[in-house]
Each structure stands twice: as structure tokens, then as C-alpha cells.
């Protein structure tokens, strides 16, 4: 089956593959501090997080930015959504457990990115098989 895929890939326009790989690279970029805060801020109201001083909010968000800031924003949003949908999510999530959900949400993107990177290195005329997995 994979040799058929390689033969089919030999017919592809490499520029299409390059566009897909570039789009995946863009989607996999780290979210950063501000995007993490924007993604999680609605949960502050939902879970009734008490108001804090400006210094306390900076310290509060630093833990989340440090834990989640290197993940893609779509994974952060998906992880937050997964947490909200847990039947026992009564309180604002701690950074570690939320990170685990976000990392799981990022797996599919990382796998697709790894495949695209690998495909870019293949000789379209070969019967080389793609190896799946997270980008290196």
C-alpha cells in the first residue's frame, strides 16, 4: 500500500506539498504568553477565580504561560475546551494537568507536521515509505 502512495506522490506538484508543510509549520508555532492568557481568560469567570492584584495576576498567568506557551495555540484552546468538558471540572485547572490535555491535542498536528517534513525530503520517484511521528 505504501509503495502505491509513493508512486502517487511522484506525480504530485512539490509546490503543493511545500504549501501544506508551510501551513502546518505556521499552525505549530508556539502560542506565547499573550495568546495563552487570551485562551484561558474566559475560564476565570467560568470557574469563579477570585480577583487579584496586578502583581498576583502576573504571577498567576506566568505559571500558565510557562507551561503552555511553547505549544500551538490551537492545542491550548483544544486542551482548555477538553478540560471544561470534563464532568469533574469544578475548579480552574492547574498548569500541569492542563498541559497534559494540551499536549494530547497537539499530537495530531505534530504528527502531520512530521509527515510533511519527511515527505519534503523524499525523492518523488523512489518507493521510500514515510515514517510517522512527532517532528524532531
N, C-alpha and C. Protein backbone atom coordinates (compact mmCIF):
# COMPACT_ATOMS: atom_id res chain seq x y z
N UNK A 1 0.82 -1.19 0.00
CA UNK A 1 0.00 0.00 0.00
C UNK A 1 0.88 1.27 0.00
N UNK A 2 1.93 1.28 0.84
CA UNK A 2 2.76 2.47 0.92
C UNK A 2 3.53 2.71 -0.37
N UNK A 3 3.93 1.63 -1.06
CA UNK A 3 4.64 1.82 -2.32
C UNK A 3 3.72 2.47 -3.35
N UNK A 4 2.42 2.17 -3.28
CA UNK A 4 1.45 2.83 -4.17
C UNK A 4 1.35 4.31 -3.83
N UNK A 5 1.37 4.62 -2.54
CA UNK A 5 1.31 6.02 -2.12
C UNK A 5 2.54 6.77 -2.61
N UNK A 6 3.71 6.12 -2.53
CA UNK A 6 4.94 6.76 -3.00
C UNK A 6 4.88 6.99 -4.51
N UNK A 7 4.33 6.03 -5.24
CA UNK A 7 4.20 6.19 -6.69
C UNK A 7 3.24 7.33 -7.00
N UNK A 8 2.16 7.43 -6.25
CA UNK A 8 1.21 8.51 -6.45
C UNK A 8 1.85 9.86 -6.10
N UNK A 9 2.64 9.87 -5.03
CA UNK A 9 3.30 11.10 -4.61
C UNK A 9 4.26 11.60 -5.67
N UNK A 10 4.81 10.70 -6.47
CA UNK A 10 5.74 11.09 -7.52
C UNK A 10 5.06 11.97 -8.56
N UNK A 11 3.75 11.88 -8.62
CA UNK A 11 3.00 12.68 -9.59
C UNK A 11 2.61 14.05 -9.03
N UNK A 12 2.76 14.26 -7.74
CA UNK A 12 2.34 15.50 -7.10
C UNK A 12 3.20 16.67 -7.54
N UNK A 13 2.59 17.78 -7.47
CA UNK A 13 3.31 19.03 -7.64
C UNK A 13 3.97 19.33 -6.29
N UNK A 14 5.29 19.37 -6.26
CA UNK A 14 6.00 19.58 -4.99
C UNK A 14 5.63 20.92 -4.35
N UNK A 15 5.20 21.89 -5.13
CA UNK A 15 4.84 23.18 -4.54
C UNK A 15 3.61 23.04 -3.65
N UNK A 16 2.71 22.13 -3.99
CA UNK A 16 1.54 21.90 -3.13
C UNK A 16 1.98 21.33 -1.79
N UNK A 17 2.88 20.38 -1.83
CA UNK A 17 3.41 19.80 -0.60
C UNK A 17 4.13 20.87 0.22
N UNK A 18 4.87 21.74 -0.44
CA UNK A 18 5.57 22.82 0.27
C UNK A 18 4.57 23.77 0.94
N UNK A 19 3.46 24.06 0.27
CA UNK A 19 2.43 24.93 0.86
C UNK A 19 1.80 24.28 2.08
N UNK A 20 1.51 22.98 1.98
CA UNK A 20 0.92 22.26 3.12
C UNK A 20 1.91 22.24 4.28
N UNK A 21 3.16 21.94 4.00
CA UNK A 21 4.18 21.90 5.06
C UNK A 21 4.32 23.27 5.72
N UNK A 22 4.32 24.33 4.92
CA UNK A 22 4.43 25.69 5.48
C UNK A 22 3.22 26.03 6.35
N UNK A 23 2.04 25.61 5.92
CA UNK A 23 0.83 25.88 6.70
C UNK A 23 0.88 25.13 8.03
N UNK A 24 1.35 23.90 8.00
CA UNK A 24 1.49 23.12 9.24
C UNK A 24 2.54 23.73 10.16
N UNK A 25 3.65 24.19 9.57
CA UNK A 25 4.69 24.87 10.37
C UNK A 25 4.09 26.09 11.07
N UNK A 26 3.29 26.86 10.35
CA UNK A 26 2.69 28.07 10.93
C UNK A 26 1.74 27.70 12.07
N UNK A 27 0.94 26.66 11.86
CA UNK A 27 0.00 26.23 12.90
C UNK A 27 0.71 25.68 14.13
N UNK A 28 1.91 25.16 13.97
CA UNK A 28 2.64 24.54 15.07
C UNK A 28 3.50 25.53 15.85
N UNK A 29 3.49 26.79 15.47
CA UNK A 29 4.31 27.79 16.17
C UNK A 29 3.85 27.93 17.62
N UNK A 30 4.77 28.21 18.53
CA UNK A 30 4.40 28.39 19.93
C UNK A 30 3.39 29.52 20.12
N UNK A 31 2.45 29.28 21.01
CA UNK A 31 1.39 30.26 21.26
C UNK A 31 1.93 31.55 21.86
N UNK A 32 2.80 31.44 22.84
CA UNK A 32 3.31 32.62 23.53
C UNK A 32 2.40 33.04 24.67
N UNK A 33 2.92 33.91 25.49
CA UNK A 33 2.25 34.34 26.73
C UNK A 33 0.87 34.96 26.49
N UNK A 34 0.81 35.95 25.63
CA UNK A 34 -0.45 36.69 25.43
C UNK A 34 -1.55 35.80 24.88
N UNK A 35 -1.21 34.91 23.96
CA UNK A 35 -2.22 34.02 23.39
C UNK A 35 -2.72 33.01 24.42
N UNK A 36 -1.82 32.53 25.27
CA UNK A 36 -2.23 31.61 26.34
C UNK A 36 -3.21 32.31 27.28
N UNK A 37 -2.89 33.52 27.68
CA UNK A 37 -3.77 34.27 28.57
C UNK A 37 -5.12 34.50 27.91
N UNK A 38 -5.12 34.91 26.66
CA UNK A 38 -6.38 35.16 25.94
C UNK A 38 -7.22 33.89 25.83
N UNK A 39 -6.56 32.75 25.64
CA UNK A 39 -7.29 31.49 25.51
C UNK A 39 -7.90 31.03 26.84
N UNK A 40 -7.21 31.31 27.93
CA UNK A 40 -7.66 30.83 29.25
C UNK A 40 -8.50 31.83 30.02
N UNK A 41 -8.43 33.11 29.67
CA UNK A 41 -9.12 34.15 30.43
C UNK A 41 -10.62 33.90 30.60
N UNK A 42 -11.34 33.40 29.58
CA UNK A 42 -12.77 33.14 29.80
C UNK A 42 -13.05 32.13 30.91
N UNK A 43 -12.10 31.27 31.18
CA UNK A 43 -12.28 30.27 32.24
C UNK A 43 -12.21 30.89 33.63
N UNK A 44 -11.60 32.07 33.73
CA UNK A 44 -11.52 32.76 35.03
C UNK A 44 -12.93 33.05 35.53
N UNK A 45 -13.78 33.55 34.64
CA UNK A 45 -15.16 33.83 35.00
C UNK A 45 -15.94 32.54 35.22
N UNK A 46 -15.77 31.60 34.30
CA UNK A 46 -16.50 30.34 34.38
C UNK A 46 -16.27 29.64 35.71
N UNK A 47 -15.02 29.62 36.18
CA UNK A 47 -14.68 28.90 37.41
C UNK A 47 -14.61 29.80 38.64
N UNK A 48 -14.97 31.05 38.49
CA UNK A 48 -15.04 31.94 39.64
C UNK A 48 -13.72 32.18 40.34
N UNK A 49 -12.67 32.39 39.56
CA UNK A 49 -11.37 32.70 40.15
C UNK A 49 -11.47 34.07 40.83
N UNK A 50 -11.10 34.16 42.11
CA UNK A 50 -11.19 35.43 42.82
C UNK A 50 -10.30 36.51 42.19
N UNK A 51 -10.75 37.75 42.30
CA UNK A 51 -9.96 38.86 41.77
C UNK A 51 -8.63 38.92 42.50
N UNK A 52 -7.63 39.46 41.81
CA UNK A 52 -6.28 39.52 42.35
C UNK A 52 -5.70 40.90 42.09
N UNK A 53 -4.62 41.21 42.78
CA UNK A 53 -3.90 42.43 42.47
C UNK A 53 -3.19 42.23 41.14
N UNK A 54 -2.70 43.31 40.56
CA UNK A 54 -1.98 43.21 39.29
C UNK A 54 -0.77 42.28 39.42
N UNK A 55 -0.05 42.39 40.51
CA UNK A 55 1.12 41.53 40.73
C UNK A 55 0.71 40.06 40.87
N UNK A 56 -0.40 39.82 41.54
CA UNK A 56 -0.88 38.44 41.69
C UNK A 56 -1.31 37.85 40.34
N UNK A 57 -1.97 38.67 39.51
CA UNK A 57 -2.37 38.19 38.18
C UNK A 57 -1.13 37.87 37.33
N UNK A 58 -0.11 38.72 37.40
CA UNK A 58 1.12 38.45 36.66
C UNK A 58 1.72 37.11 37.08
N UNK A 59 1.79 36.88 38.38
CA UNK A 59 2.33 35.62 38.89
C UNK A 59 1.44 34.44 38.49
N UNK A 60 0.14 34.63 38.59
CA UNK A 60 -0.82 33.58 38.23
C UNK A 60 -0.64 33.17 36.76
N UNK A 61 -0.63 34.16 35.86
CA UNK A 61 -0.54 33.86 34.43
C UNK A 61 0.84 33.36 34.03
N UNK A 62 1.87 33.72 34.78
CA UNK A 62 3.22 33.26 34.45
C UNK A 62 3.30 31.74 34.48
N UNK A 63 2.66 31.12 35.46
CA UNK A 63 2.69 29.65 35.53
C UNK A 63 2.08 29.02 34.28
N UNK A 64 0.97 29.58 33.82
CA UNK A 64 0.29 29.04 32.64
C UNK A 64 1.08 29.34 31.37
N UNK A 65 1.62 30.55 31.27
CA UNK A 65 2.43 30.89 30.09
C UNK A 65 3.67 30.02 30.01
N UNK A 66 4.30 29.77 31.15
CA UNK A 66 5.49 28.91 31.16
C UNK A 66 5.14 27.48 30.78
N UNK A 67 4.02 26.98 31.25
CA UNK A 67 3.63 25.59 30.99
C UNK A 67 3.11 25.40 29.57
N UNK A 68 2.39 26.38 29.04
CA UNK A 68 1.67 26.19 27.78
C UNK A 68 2.18 27.03 26.61
N UNK A 69 3.02 28.00 26.88
CA UNK A 69 3.42 28.96 25.86
C UNK A 69 4.18 28.38 24.68
N UNK A 70 4.80 27.22 24.85
CA UNK A 70 5.55 26.61 23.74
C UNK A 70 4.68 25.72 22.86
N UNK A 71 3.44 25.51 23.27
CA UNK A 71 2.52 24.69 22.49
C UNK A 71 1.77 25.55 21.47
N UNK A 72 1.28 24.94 20.39
CA UNK A 72 0.50 25.70 19.41
C UNK A 72 -0.80 26.21 20.05
N UNK A 73 -1.25 27.38 19.62
CA UNK A 73 -2.44 27.98 20.20
C UNK A 73 -3.66 27.09 20.02
N UNK A 74 -3.77 26.41 18.88
CA UNK A 74 -4.94 25.56 18.70
C UNK A 74 -4.94 24.41 19.70
N UNK A 75 -3.77 23.94 20.11
CA UNK A 75 -3.69 22.89 21.12
C UNK A 75 -4.06 23.43 22.49
N UNK A 76 -3.66 24.66 22.78
CA UNK A 76 -4.02 25.29 24.06
C UNK A 76 -5.54 25.44 24.14
N UNK A 77 -6.14 25.93 23.07
CA UNK A 77 -7.60 26.11 23.04
C UNK A 77 -8.31 24.77 23.14
N UNK A 78 -7.82 23.77 22.43
CA UNK A 78 -8.45 22.45 22.46
C UNK A 78 -8.30 21.81 23.84
N UNK A 79 -7.13 21.97 24.46
CA UNK A 79 -6.93 21.43 25.79
C UNK A 79 -7.83 22.10 26.82
N UNK A 80 -7.98 23.41 26.71
CA UNK A 80 -8.87 24.14 27.62
C UNK A 80 -10.31 23.67 27.42
N UNK A 81 -10.71 23.50 26.17
CA UNK A 81 -12.06 23.03 25.88
C UNK A 81 -12.27 21.61 26.42
N UNK A 82 -11.26 20.76 26.27
CA UNK A 82 -11.36 19.40 26.80
C UNK A 82 -11.52 19.43 28.32
N UNK A 83 -10.79 20.33 28.98
CA UNK A 83 -10.89 20.43 30.44
C UNK A 83 -12.30 20.87 30.84
N UNK A 84 -12.80 21.89 30.18
CA UNK A 84 -14.14 22.41 30.50
C UNK A 84 -15.19 21.32 30.35
N UNK A 85 -15.00 20.43 29.39
CA UNK A 85 -15.97 19.38 29.13
C UNK A 85 -15.81 18.14 30.01
N UNK A 86 -14.80 18.12 30.87
CA UNK A 86 -14.68 17.00 31.81
C UNK A 86 -15.81 17.08 32.81
N UNK A 87 -16.41 15.97 33.15
CA UNK A 87 -17.54 16.01 34.10
C UNK A 87 -17.16 16.48 35.50
N UNK A 88 -15.89 16.36 35.85
CA UNK A 88 -15.46 16.76 37.20
C UNK A 88 -14.65 18.05 37.21
N UNK A 89 -14.78 18.88 36.20
CA UNK A 89 -14.01 20.14 36.15
C UNK A 89 -14.76 21.23 36.91
N UNK A 90 -14.53 21.27 38.21
CA UNK A 90 -15.22 22.22 39.07
C UNK A 90 -14.41 23.48 39.36
N UNK A 91 -13.09 23.39 39.17
CA UNK A 91 -12.21 24.49 39.52
C UNK A 91 -11.30 24.82 38.35
N UNK A 92 -10.71 25.99 38.38
CA UNK A 92 -9.76 26.39 37.35
C UNK A 92 -8.62 25.37 37.34
N UNK A 93 -8.22 24.89 36.17
CA UNK A 93 -7.22 23.82 36.11
C UNK A 93 -5.83 24.29 36.55
N UNK A 94 -5.10 23.39 37.14
CA UNK A 94 -3.69 23.64 37.44
C UNK A 94 -2.91 23.54 36.14
N UNK A 95 -1.76 24.20 36.04
CA UNK A 95 -1.00 24.19 34.78
C UNK A 95 -0.59 22.80 34.30
N UNK A 96 -0.13 21.93 35.19
CA UNK A 96 0.35 20.61 34.78
C UNK A 96 -0.72 19.74 34.12
N UNK A 97 -1.85 19.52 34.78
CA UNK A 97 -2.90 18.71 34.15
C UNK A 97 -3.44 19.34 32.86
N UNK A 98 -3.52 20.66 32.83
CA UNK A 98 -3.98 21.32 31.61
C UNK A 98 -2.96 21.13 30.49
N UNK A 99 -1.69 21.19 30.82
CA UNK A 99 -0.65 20.98 29.82
C UNK A 99 -0.77 19.59 29.20
N UNK A 100 -1.06 18.61 30.02
CA UNK A 100 -1.21 17.24 29.51
C UNK A 100 -2.33 17.18 28.48
N UNK A 101 -3.45 17.82 28.74
CA UNK A 101 -4.56 17.85 27.79
C UNK A 101 -4.16 18.59 26.51
N UNK A 102 -3.43 19.68 26.66
CA UNK A 102 -3.00 20.47 25.51
C UNK A 102 -1.99 19.69 24.65
N UNK A 103 -1.09 18.98 25.31
CA UNK A 103 -0.12 18.16 24.57
C UNK A 103 -0.83 17.06 23.78
N UNK A 104 -1.83 16.46 24.37
CA UNK A 104 -2.60 15.44 23.66
C UNK A 104 -3.27 16.05 22.44
N UNK A 105 -3.80 17.25 22.61
CA UNK A 105 -4.46 17.93 21.50
C UNK A 105 -3.47 18.29 20.39
N UNK A 106 -2.21 18.47 20.73
CA UNK A 106 -1.19 18.84 19.75
C UNK A 106 -0.65 17.66 18.97
N UNK A 107 -0.88 16.45 19.45
CA UNK A 107 -0.29 15.26 18.83
C UNK A 107 -0.61 15.13 17.34
N UNK A 108 -1.86 15.32 16.98
CA UNK A 108 -2.25 15.16 15.58
C UNK A 108 -1.54 16.18 14.68
N UNK A 109 -1.46 17.41 15.15
CA UNK A 109 -0.76 18.45 14.39
C UNK A 109 0.72 18.10 14.26
N UNK A 110 1.36 17.69 15.35
CA UNK A 110 2.77 17.34 15.30
C UNK A 110 3.03 16.14 14.39
N UNK A 111 2.11 15.18 14.40
CA UNK A 111 2.26 14.02 13.51
C UNK A 111 2.17 14.45 12.05
N UNK A 112 1.18 15.26 11.74
CA UNK A 112 1.03 15.75 10.36
C UNK A 112 2.24 16.57 9.94
N UNK A 113 2.75 17.39 10.83
CA UNK A 113 3.94 18.18 10.53
C UNK A 113 5.15 17.29 10.30
N UNK A 114 5.31 16.28 11.12
CA UNK A 114 6.41 15.34 10.94
C UNK A 114 6.33 14.63 9.60
N UNK A 115 5.14 14.24 9.22
CA UNK A 115 4.95 13.58 7.92
C UNK A 115 5.27 14.53 6.77
N UNK A 116 4.81 15.76 6.89
CA UNK A 116 5.07 16.73 5.82
C UNK A 116 6.56 17.02 5.69
N UNK A 117 7.24 17.17 6.81
CA UNK A 117 8.69 17.40 6.78
C UNK A 117 9.40 16.23 6.12
N UNK A 118 8.99 15.04 6.50
CA UNK A 118 9.60 13.84 5.94
C UNK A 118 9.31 13.74 4.44
N UNK A 119 8.09 14.01 4.05
CA UNK A 119 7.72 13.93 2.64
C UNK A 119 8.53 14.91 1.80
N UNK A 120 8.86 16.05 2.37
CA UNK A 120 9.66 17.04 1.64
C UNK A 120 11.07 16.53 1.36
N UNK A 121 11.54 15.56 2.13
CA UNK A 121 12.90 15.05 1.93
C UNK A 121 12.94 13.87 0.97
N UNK A 122 11.78 13.33 0.61
CA UNK A 122 11.75 12.14 -0.24
C UNK A 122 11.99 12.48 -1.71
N UNK A 123 12.59 11.55 -2.37
CA UNK A 123 12.71 11.62 -3.82
C UNK A 123 11.37 11.12 -4.37
N UNK A 124 10.63 11.96 -5.08
CA UNK A 124 9.31 11.55 -5.54
C UNK A 124 9.31 10.28 -6.39
N UNK A 125 10.41 9.95 -7.01
CA UNK A 125 10.47 8.76 -7.86
C UNK A 125 10.80 7.49 -7.08
N UNK A 126 11.16 7.62 -5.80
CA UNK A 126 11.54 6.44 -5.02
C UNK A 126 10.31 5.75 -4.45
N UNK A 127 10.50 4.59 -3.91
CA UNK A 127 9.43 3.87 -3.22
C UNK A 127 9.62 3.96 -1.71
N UNK A 128 10.30 5.00 -1.27
CA UNK A 128 10.58 5.18 0.15
C UNK A 128 9.28 5.38 0.93
N UNK A 129 9.20 4.76 2.10
CA UNK A 129 7.99 4.82 2.91
C UNK A 129 8.16 5.90 3.97
N UNK A 130 7.09 6.66 4.19
CA UNK A 130 7.11 7.68 5.24
C UNK A 130 7.08 7.02 6.61
N UNK A 131 7.87 7.56 7.54
CA UNK A 131 7.82 7.13 8.93
C UNK A 131 7.00 8.16 9.67
N UNK A 132 6.08 7.70 10.49
CA UNK A 132 5.17 8.60 11.18
C UNK A 132 5.70 8.97 12.55
N UNK A 133 5.27 10.13 13.02
CA UNK A 133 5.62 10.54 14.38
C UNK A 133 5.78 12.03 14.50
N UNK A 134 6.05 12.44 15.69
CA UNK A 134 6.19 13.86 16.00
C UNK A 134 7.45 14.42 15.33
N UNK A 135 7.42 15.72 15.00
CA UNK A 135 8.59 16.33 14.37
C UNK A 135 9.78 16.29 15.31
N UNK A 136 10.95 16.17 14.72
CA UNK A 136 12.18 16.10 15.51
C UNK A 136 12.74 17.49 15.72
